[in-house]
């Protein structure tokens, strides 16, 4: 069988949807690794034969089949040989919309009805082999967030529940959970990812801290949507509308985790949930091995979002203390992300999505005033007056508070 190359997967799907696509994955049919090496292809795959095209540098994988050998996403035996057909390769793929191939002359090969499901906006698994790889569940949830107009085929929804019931998701390693979760958070409508995960029971296994927020009420005067889980979804979708970076979206996800641990006899109030949220966010970040920029922002937002919301009632000295706790004097660019996350929290409420968020307009100007104080000059003057140790810090704090007060007086 002569060597034939086909574009497969997301590039074909996105082209049919009229979406931009840059990376293309290729499948080579009718070749051995030795033949590709002879043609100048460079090997890069460890688990199965993948090569870089000698001219374009694009990835080319040998057509292959897989056989489940153990639980989890690594428990597979790979078979790649010249006799493996394109149809064999497409059969092992996850969703019908990802199982369409395109020949070099533009011809589409679609044995599983992917074009039909694209037109109908349906996410449907190719075969029961879907259950063998738990990462596919996460990918599907992430695709639901990227393509929110797509619905989940009923038989696929049932298959996801089966995967959870059989414990497949329990074999997912933290790095893969974080990788897919981060991509879903950055998608068009992150709430759809959580809808899918919660609907099949996977959210309770992977992110129980988040899952327990549904059914927890909040004061309706401040939260017309009442339910904390629903509020969280509104916040995440607001962050997506704001095109917020990943640290902001992660901070939004974690900001109210503590409300899930409020005793029922204290509902709908959640006194002290901020500190509980910060501790839970730190534990979750440790478990999933979340990057430091996401961890740190989530900690600040969890602890301080209530103070930021109420900052118009704070004195100049209290505002400076807020800036200090947020490390805003040293890291104003991160404080801008704190304000963005807080704005998403404020707008993530039914009927309040378009309300201006005053702290995001007011606090940067006041921070500029505080940062305008030359702390070295103030410290030198304090020492000249005989001040020592904490007294010097107090003098700097007072100078900053006076600068903020002056700015407030002309605001």
Protein backbone atom coordinates (compact mmCIF):
# COMPACT_ATOMS: atom_id res chain seq x y z
CA UNK A 1 0.00 0.00 0.00
CA UNK A 2 1.53 3.33 -1.01
CA UNK A 3 2.00 6.04 1.62
CA UNK A 4 -1.01 8.37 1.91
CA UNK A 5 -1.35 11.42 4.16
CA UNK A 6 -4.57 12.77 5.65
CA UNK A 7 -5.35 15.78 7.84
CA UNK A 8 -7.43 14.63 10.82
CA UNK A 9 -9.15 15.92 13.92
CA UNK A 10 -9.59 19.50 15.04
CA UNK A 11 -8.18 21.17 11.94
CA UNK A 12 -10.76 19.48 9.71
CA UNK A 13 -13.55 20.18 12.21
CA UNK A 14 -12.68 23.86 12.57
CA UNK A 15 -12.32 24.34 8.82
CA UNK A 16 -15.81 22.91 8.29
CA UNK A 17 -17.13 25.26 10.97
CA UNK A 18 -15.46 28.21 9.28
CA UNK A 19 -13.15 28.79 12.22
CA UNK A 20 -9.47 29.75 12.01
CA UNK A 21 -7.01 26.94 12.56
CA UNK A 22 -3.24 26.94 12.55
CA UNK A 23 -2.06 23.52 13.75
CA UNK A 24 -2.79 20.50 11.59
CA UNK A 25 -2.42 16.86 12.62
CA UNK A 26 -1.69 14.31 9.94
CA UNK A 27 -2.10 10.55 9.74
CA UNK A 28 0.14 8.47 7.50
CA UNK A 29 -1.40 5.28 6.08
CA UNK A 30 0.57 2.49 4.44
CA UNK A 31 4.03 3.19 5.87
CA UNK A 32 6.46 1.89 8.46
CA UNK A 33 8.61 4.01 10.78
CA UNK A 34 11.66 2.98 8.78
CA UNK A 35 10.12 4.22 5.53
CA UNK A 36 9.29 7.60 7.08
CA UNK A 37 12.83 7.93 8.40
CA UNK A 38 14.13 7.21 4.92
CA UNK A 39 11.95 10.02 3.57
CA UNK A 40 13.46 12.48 6.06
CA UNK A 41 10.78 12.47 8.77
CA UNK A 42 12.10 13.06 12.31
CA UNK A 43 10.75 10.87 15.15
CA UNK A 44 9.32 12.64 18.21
CA UNK A 45 6.81 10.20 19.68
CA UNK A 46 7.58 8.01 22.68
CA UNK A 47 4.33 6.12 23.25
CA UNK A 48 3.49 5.66 19.58
CA UNK A 49 5.13 6.54 16.26
CA UNK A 50 4.88 10.29 15.62
CA UNK A 51 7.16 12.18 13.25
CA UNK A 52 7.81 15.72 12.07
CA UNK A 53 7.32 16.36 8.38
CA UNK A 54 10.70 17.11 6.73
CA UNK A 55 9.43 20.28 5.03
CA UNK A 56 6.51 21.69 7.06
CA UNK A 57 7.52 20.51 10.55
CA UNK A 58 3.93 19.39 11.17
CA UNK A 59 3.24 16.27 13.22
CA UNK A 60 2.52 13.09 11.31
CA UNK A 61 1.38 9.97 13.18
CA UNK A 62 1.24 6.49 11.76
CA UNK A 63 -2.30 5.13 11.50
CA UNK A 64 -2.83 3.01 14.59
CA UNK A 65 -5.23 1.04 16.70
CA UNK A 66 -5.33 0.77 20.49
CA UNK A 67 -6.14 -2.04 22.93
CA UNK A 68 -7.02 -1.37 26.57
CA UNK A 69 -4.59 -3.14 28.91
CA UNK A 70 -5.02 -1.35 32.29
CA UNK A 71 -7.14 1.34 33.98
CA UNK A 72 -6.46 5.01 33.27
CA UNK A 73 -5.38 6.94 30.22
CA UNK A 74 -1.97 5.28 29.91
CA UNK A 75 -3.20 1.70 29.95
CA UNK A 76 -3.11 1.05 26.20
CA UNK A 77 -1.21 -1.16 23.79
CA UNK A 78 -0.58 0.64 20.49
CA UNK A 79 -0.51 -1.15 17.15
CA UNK A 80 0.82 0.81 14.15
CA UNK A 81 1.54 -1.03 10.89
CA UNK A 82 1.12 -0.52 7.13
CA UNK A 83 -2.01 -2.66 7.23
CA UNK A 84 -3.87 -0.31 9.60
CA UNK A 85 -6.40 1.59 7.51
CA UNK A 86 -7.59 5.16 7.86
CA UNK A 87 -10.99 3.83 8.91
CA UNK A 88 -9.32 1.76 11.65
CA UNK A 89 -7.57 4.89 12.90
CA UNK A 90 -10.72 7.04 12.84
CA UNK A 91 -12.68 4.41 14.76
CA UNK A 92 -10.46 4.88 17.85
CA UNK A 93 -11.08 8.66 18.01
CA UNK A 94 -13.27 10.30 20.63
CA UNK A 95 -16.07 12.26 18.94
CA UNK A 96 -17.62 12.03 15.51
CA UNK A 97 -16.79 15.67 14.81
CA UNK A 98 -13.12 14.83 15.46
CA UNK A 99 -13.19 11.66 13.32
CA UNK A 100 -13.27 13.34 9.92
CA UNK A 101 -10.20 13.10 7.67
CA UNK A 102 -9.26 15.11 4.61
CA UNK A 103 -7.07 13.76 1.83
CA UNK A 104 -4.39 15.90 0.22
CA UNK A 105 -6.75 16.54 -2.73
CA UNK A 106 -9.43 17.90 -0.35
CA UNK A 107 -11.67 14.83 -0.29
CA UNK A 108 -13.38 14.24 3.05
CA UNK A 109 -13.52 10.79 4.64
CA UNK A 110 -16.30 10.70 7.24
CA UNK A 111 -17.29 7.16 8.20
CA UNK A 112 -18.99 8.12 11.48
CA UNK A 113 -21.27 11.01 10.50
CA UNK A 114 -19.12 13.83 11.80
CA UNK A 115 -20.38 16.31 9.19
CA UNK A 116 -23.96 15.47 10.15
CA UNK A 117 -23.23 16.11 13.82
CA UNK A 118 -21.44 19.36 13.00
CA UNK A 119 -24.52 20.57 11.16
CA UNK A 120 -26.79 19.45 14.02
CA UNK A 121 -24.40 20.87 16.65
CA UNK A 122 -24.15 17.58 18.54
CA UNK A 123 -21.27 16.12 20.56
CA UNK A 124 -21.43 12.35 20.06
CA UNK A 125 -18.89 9.60 20.78
CA UNK A 126 -17.60 7.45 17.93
CA UNK A 127 -17.71 4.08 19.68
CA UNK A 128 -17.84 2.46 23.10
CA UNK A 129 -14.03 2.60 23.10
CA UNK A 130 -14.57 6.17 24.34
CA UNK A 131 -14.87 4.81 27.90
CA UNK A 132 -11.33 3.42 27.83
CA UNK A 133 -9.65 6.83 28.16
CA UNK A 134 -10.87 9.08 31.01
CA UNK A 135 -9.11 12.11 29.52
CA UNK A 136 -11.75 12.01 26.79
CA UNK A 137 -14.39 12.94 29.34
CA UNK A 138 -12.43 16.06 30.22
CA UNK A 139 -11.83 16.92 26.57
CA UNK A 140 -15.51 16.60 25.80
CA UNK A 141 -16.40 18.90 28.70
CA UNK A 142 -13.81 21.39 27.49
CA UNK A 143 -15.18 21.24 23.93
CA UNK A 144 -18.66 21.93 25.31
CA UNK A 145 -17.25 25.16 26.75
CA UNK A 146 -15.59 26.04 23.45
CA UNK A 147 -18.72 25.23 21.42
CA UNK A 148 -21.57 26.19 23.77
CA UNK A 149 -24.18 25.88 21.01
CA UNK A 150 -23.48 22.13 20.79
CA UNK A 151 -25.64 19.73 22.78
CA UNK A 152 -24.57 16.40 24.25
CA UNK A 153 -26.03 13.30 22.60
CA UNK A 154 -28.11 11.35 25.16
CA UNK A 155 -26.20 8.13 24.55
CA UNK A 156 -22.92 9.99 25.11
CA UNK A 157 -24.22 11.50 28.35
CA UNK A 158 -25.09 7.99 29.52
CA UNK A 159 -21.61 6.81 28.60
CA UNK A 160 -20.02 9.57 30.68
CA UNK A 161 -22.04 8.55 33.72
CA UNK A 162 -20.93 4.96 33.17
CA UNK A 163 -17.28 6.07 33.11
CA UNK A 164 -17.70 7.84 36.43
CA UNK A 165 -19.58 4.94 37.99
CA UNK A 166 -16.85 2.52 36.89
CA UNK A 167 -14.16 4.71 38.50
CA UNK A 168 -12.29 5.59 35.31
CA UNK A 169 -12.02 9.29 36.25
CA UNK A 170 -10.35 8.31 39.52
CA UNK A 171 -7.27 7.32 37.51
CA UNK A 172 -6.74 10.81 36.07
CA UNK A 173 -3.46 12.37 37.15
CA UNK A 174 -3.45 15.98 38.44
CA UNK A 175 -1.44 17.36 35.51
CA UNK A 176 -3.99 16.17 32.95
CA UNK A 177 -6.92 17.43 35.01
CA UNK A 178 -5.31 20.86 35.27
CA UNK A 179 -4.39 20.93 31.58
CA UNK A 180 -7.94 20.29 30.40
CA UNK A 181 -9.52 22.40 33.15
CA UNK A 182 -7.34 25.39 32.25
CA UNK A 183 -8.25 25.09 28.57
CA UNK A 184 -11.93 24.87 29.45
CA UNK A 185 -11.71 27.92 31.70
CA UNK A 186 -10.26 29.86 28.76
CA UNK A 187 -13.06 28.79 26.43
CA UNK A 188 -16.03 30.84 25.24
CA UNK A 189 -18.44 29.71 27.98
CA UNK A 190 -16.67 27.96 30.86
CA UNK A 191 -19.94 27.14 32.61
CA UNK A 192 -20.71 24.54 29.94
CA UNK A 193 -17.66 22.53 30.98
CA UNK A 194 -18.96 22.40 34.54
CA UNK A 195 -22.46 21.54 33.32
CA UNK A 196 -21.07 18.44 31.60
CA UNK A 197 -18.81 17.44 34.50
CA UNK A 198 -21.55 17.93 37.06
CA UNK A 199 -24.17 16.19 34.94
CA UNK A 200 -22.20 12.94 34.78
CA UNK A 201 -20.94 13.05 38.37
CA UNK A 202 -17.31 13.74 37.46
CA UNK A 203 -17.23 17.16 39.15
CA UNK A 204 -17.91 15.57 42.54
CA UNK A 205 -14.93 13.25 42.02
CA UNK A 206 -12.50 15.76 40.54
CA UNK A 207 -13.47 19.06 42.19
CA UNK A 208 -15.66 18.29 45.21
CA UNK A 209 -14.96 21.79 46.61
CA UNK A 210 -16.69 23.28 43.57
CA UNK A 211 -19.41 20.66 43.28
CA UNK A 212 -20.75 21.27 46.80
CA UNK A 213 -21.58 24.92 46.01
CA UNK A 214 -24.79 23.96 44.22
CA UNK A 215 -27.74 24.08 46.58
CA UNK A 216 -26.02 26.52 48.95
CA UNK A 217 -28.17 29.69 49.19
CA UNK A 218 -26.97 33.30 49.42
CA UNK A 219 -28.85 36.42 50.54
CA UNK A 220 -31.29 37.21 47.70
CA UNK A 221 -30.92 40.94 48.30
CA UNK A 222 -27.35 40.71 47.03
CA UNK A 223 -27.66 37.59 44.88
CA UNK A 224 -30.93 37.43 42.91
CA UNK A 225 -29.81 34.04 41.55
CA UNK A 226 -29.52 32.82 45.21
CA UNK A 227 -27.72 29.53 44.47
CA UNK A 228 -23.95 29.76 44.99
CA UNK A 229 -23.17 27.27 42.22
CA UNK A 230 -25.26 29.22 39.73
CA UNK A 231 -23.53 32.42 40.85
CA UNK A 232 -20.14 30.82 40.24
CA UNK A 233 -21.12 29.88 36.69
CA UNK A 234 -22.30 33.44 36.01
CA UNK A 235 -18.97 34.75 37.33
CA UNK A 236 -16.93 32.43 35.09
CA UNK A 237 -18.94 33.35 32.00
CA UNK A 238 -18.52 37.03 32.85
CA UNK A 239 -14.75 36.47 33.01
CA UNK A 240 -14.94 34.90 29.56
CA UNK A 241 -16.88 37.89 28.21
CA UNK A 242 -14.17 40.13 29.67
CA UNK A 243 -11.52 38.00 27.92
CA UNK A 244 -9.80 37.68 31.29
CA UNK A 245 -6.48 35.82 31.52
CA UNK A 246 -6.25 32.39 33.13
CA UNK A 247 -5.17 33.59 36.62
CA UNK A 248 -8.29 35.77 36.82
CA UNK A 249 -10.54 32.93 35.73
CA UNK A 250 -8.96 30.55 38.22
CA UNK A 251 -9.39 33.15 40.97
CA UNK A 252 -13.05 33.49 39.98
CA UNK A 253 -13.49 29.72 40.27
CA UNK A 254 -12.00 29.67 43.78
CA UNK A 255 -13.28 32.91 45.30
CA UNK A 256 -16.36 31.45 47.05
CA UNK A 257 -15.26 27.88 47.82
CA UNK A 258 -15.67 28.53 51.55
CA UNK A 259 -19.42 29.00 51.17
CA UNK A 260 -19.67 25.27 50.59
CA UNK A 261 -18.51 24.67 54.18
CA UNK A 262 -20.84 27.15 55.90
CA UNK A 263 -22.98 25.30 58.47
CA UNK A 264 -26.59 25.03 57.34
CA UNK A 265 -27.86 26.85 60.41
CA UNK A 266 -25.95 29.94 59.22
CA UNK A 267 -27.42 29.98 55.71
CA UNK A 268 -27.86 32.19 53.72
CA UNK A 269 -25.15 34.24 55.42
CA UNK A 270 -21.54 33.11 55.02
CA UNK A 271 -19.55 34.85 57.73
CA UNK A 272 -15.83 34.16 57.42
CA UNK A 273 -16.12 32.39 54.08
CA UNK A 274 -13.25 34.47 52.68
CA UNK A 275 -10.56 32.90 54.85
CA UNK A 276 -12.05 29.44 54.34
CA UNK A 277 -12.07 30.02 50.58
CA UNK A 278 -8.40 31.00 50.63
CA UNK A 279 -7.43 27.82 52.51
CA UNK A 280 -9.48 25.63 50.20
CA UNK A 281 -8.10 27.35 47.10
CA UNK A 282 -4.57 26.70 48.32
CA UNK A 283 -5.31 23.02 48.96
CA UNK A 284 -6.97 22.63 45.56
CA UNK A 285 -4.07 24.34 43.80
CA UNK A 286 -1.63 22.03 45.58
CA UNK A 287 -3.61 18.95 44.58
CA UNK A 288 -3.82 19.93 40.91
CA UNK A 289 -0.31 21.46 40.81
CA UNK A 290 -1.65 24.79 39.62
CA UNK A 291 0.91 27.40 38.44
CA UNK A 292 2.02 29.99 40.98
CA UNK A 293 0.49 33.01 39.25
CA UNK A 294 -2.93 31.36 39.44
CA UNK A 295 -2.42 30.23 43.04
CA UNK A 296 -1.32 33.64 44.27
CA UNK A 297 -4.10 35.59 42.60
CA UNK A 298 -6.73 33.15 43.85
CA UNK A 299 -5.45 33.61 47.40
CA UNK A 300 -5.69 37.41 47.25
CA UNK A 301 -9.12 37.44 45.60
CA UNK A 302 -10.54 34.87 48.01
CA UNK A 303 -9.33 36.83 51.05
CA UNK A 304 -10.06 40.35 49.89
CA UNK A 305 -12.97 40.41 47.42
CA UNK A 306 -15.43 41.44 50.12
CA UNK A 307 -13.21 44.34 51.18
CA UNK A 308 -12.73 45.44 47.58
CA UNK A 309 -16.51 45.41 47.03
CA UNK A 310 -17.00 47.60 50.12
CA UNK A 311 -13.96 49.80 49.57
CA UNK A 312 -15.99 52.97 49.07
CA UNK A 313 -16.72 52.90 52.81
CA UNK A 314 -13.07 52.50 53.85
CA UNK A 315 -10.97 55.30 55.29
CA UNK A 316 -7.71 56.35 53.64
CA UNK A 317 -5.71 54.38 56.20
CA UNK A 318 -7.88 51.28 55.67
CA UNK A 319 -7.43 51.61 51.91
CA UNK A 320 -3.67 51.63 52.34
CA UNK A 321 -3.93 48.52 54.51
CA UNK A 322 -5.98 46.89 51.74
CA UNK A 323 -3.29 47.78 49.20
CA UNK A 324 -0.64 46.35 51.51
CA UNK A 325 -2.49 43.06 52.04
CA UNK A 326 -2.91 42.73 48.28
CA UNK A 327 0.77 43.60 47.71
CA UNK A 328 -0.61 46.22 45.33
CA UNK A 329 2.06 48.81 46.14
CA UNK A 330 4.72 46.46 44.84
CA UNK A 331 2.66 44.66 42.19
CA UNK A 332 0.09 47.05 40.72
CA UNK A 333 -0.30 44.92 37.59
CA UNK A 334 -1.50 42.00 39.68
CA UNK A 335 -3.85 44.28 41.61
CA UNK A 336 -5.44 45.14 38.27
CA UNK A 337 -6.19 41.43 37.91
CA UNK A 338 -7.63 41.37 41.44
CA UNK A 339 -9.99 44.16 40.43
CA UNK A 340 -10.95 42.33 37.24
CA UNK A 341 -11.82 39.18 39.19
CA UNK A 342 -13.81 41.22 41.71
CA UNK A 343 -15.68 42.96 38.90
CA UNK A 344 -16.61 39.58 37.43
CA UNK A 345 -17.83 38.51 40.87
CA UNK A 346 -19.97 41.64 41.19
CA UNK A 347 -21.44 41.24 37.71
CA UNK A 348 -21.96 37.50 38.05
CA UNK A 349 -25.43 38.02 39.44
CA UNK A 350 -28.75 37.69 37.67
CA UNK A 351 -29.80 41.05 36.23
CA UNK A 352 -26.59 42.83 37.26
CA UNK A 353 -24.35 41.72 34.42
CA UNK A 354 -23.91 45.21 32.97
CA UNK A 355 -23.69 47.27 36.16
CA UNK A 356 -20.51 49.44 36.34
CA UNK A 357 -18.08 48.28 38.98
CA UNK A 358 -17.02 51.40 40.88
CA UNK A 359 -13.96 49.97 42.70
CA UNK A 360 -12.30 49.16 39.36
CA UNK A 361 -12.56 52.85 38.45
CA UNK A 362 -11.75 54.32 41.86
CA UNK A 363 -9.04 52.17 43.41
CA UNK A 364 -6.34 52.43 40.70
CA UNK A 365 -6.25 56.21 41.11
CA UNK A 366 -5.97 55.90 44.88
CA UNK A 367 -3.27 53.26 44.51
CA UNK A 368 -1.32 55.63 42.27
CA UNK A 369 -1.47 58.24 45.02
CA UNK A 370 -0.14 55.79 47.61
CA UNK A 371 2.59 54.56 45.29
CA UNK A 372 3.60 58.17 44.62
CA UNK A 373 5.12 58.37 48.11
CA UNK A 374 8.89 57.87 48.14
CA UNK A 375 9.20 55.44 51.04
CA UNK A 376 13.00 55.89 51.25
CA UNK A 377 12.65 59.65 51.66
CA UNK A 378 9.95 59.26 54.32
CA UNK A 379 12.03 56.65 56.16
CA UNK A 380 15.12 58.88 56.14
CA UNK A 381 13.11 61.79 57.55
CA UNK A 382 11.63 59.55 60.24
CA UNK A 383 15.05 58.32 61.29
CA UNK A 384 16.25 61.93 61.46
CA UNK A 385 13.47 62.53 64.00
CA UNK A 386 14.71 59.59 66.07
CA UNK A 387 12.19 57.04 64.88
CA UNK A 388 13.25 53.38 64.88
CA UNK A 389 12.01 49.96 63.69
CA UNK A 390 8.19 49.74 63.41
CA UNK A 391 7.91 53.50 63.85
CA UNK A 392 9.57 53.98 60.48
CA UNK A 393 7.05 51.67 58.81
CA UNK A 394 4.25 53.52 60.56
CA UNK A 395 5.56 56.82 59.20
CA UNK A 396 5.55 55.45 55.64
CA UNK A 397 2.02 54.10 56.13
CA UNK A 398 0.86 57.49 57.44
CA UNK A 399 2.40 59.31 54.48
CA UNK A 400 0.63 57.00 52.08
CA UNK A 401 -2.67 57.39 53.91
CA UNK A 402 -2.33 61.17 53.74
CA UNK A 403 -1.68 60.98 49.99
CA UNK A 404 -4.77 58.80 49.54
CA UNK A 405 -6.83 61.17 51.70
CA UNK A 406 -5.70 64.11 49.58
CA UNK A 407 -6.73 62.28 46.42
CA UNK A 408 -10.11 61.42 47.92
CA UNK A 409 -10.68 65.06 48.81
CA UNK A 410 -10.50 66.14 45.18
CA UNK A 411 -12.26 63.11 43.71
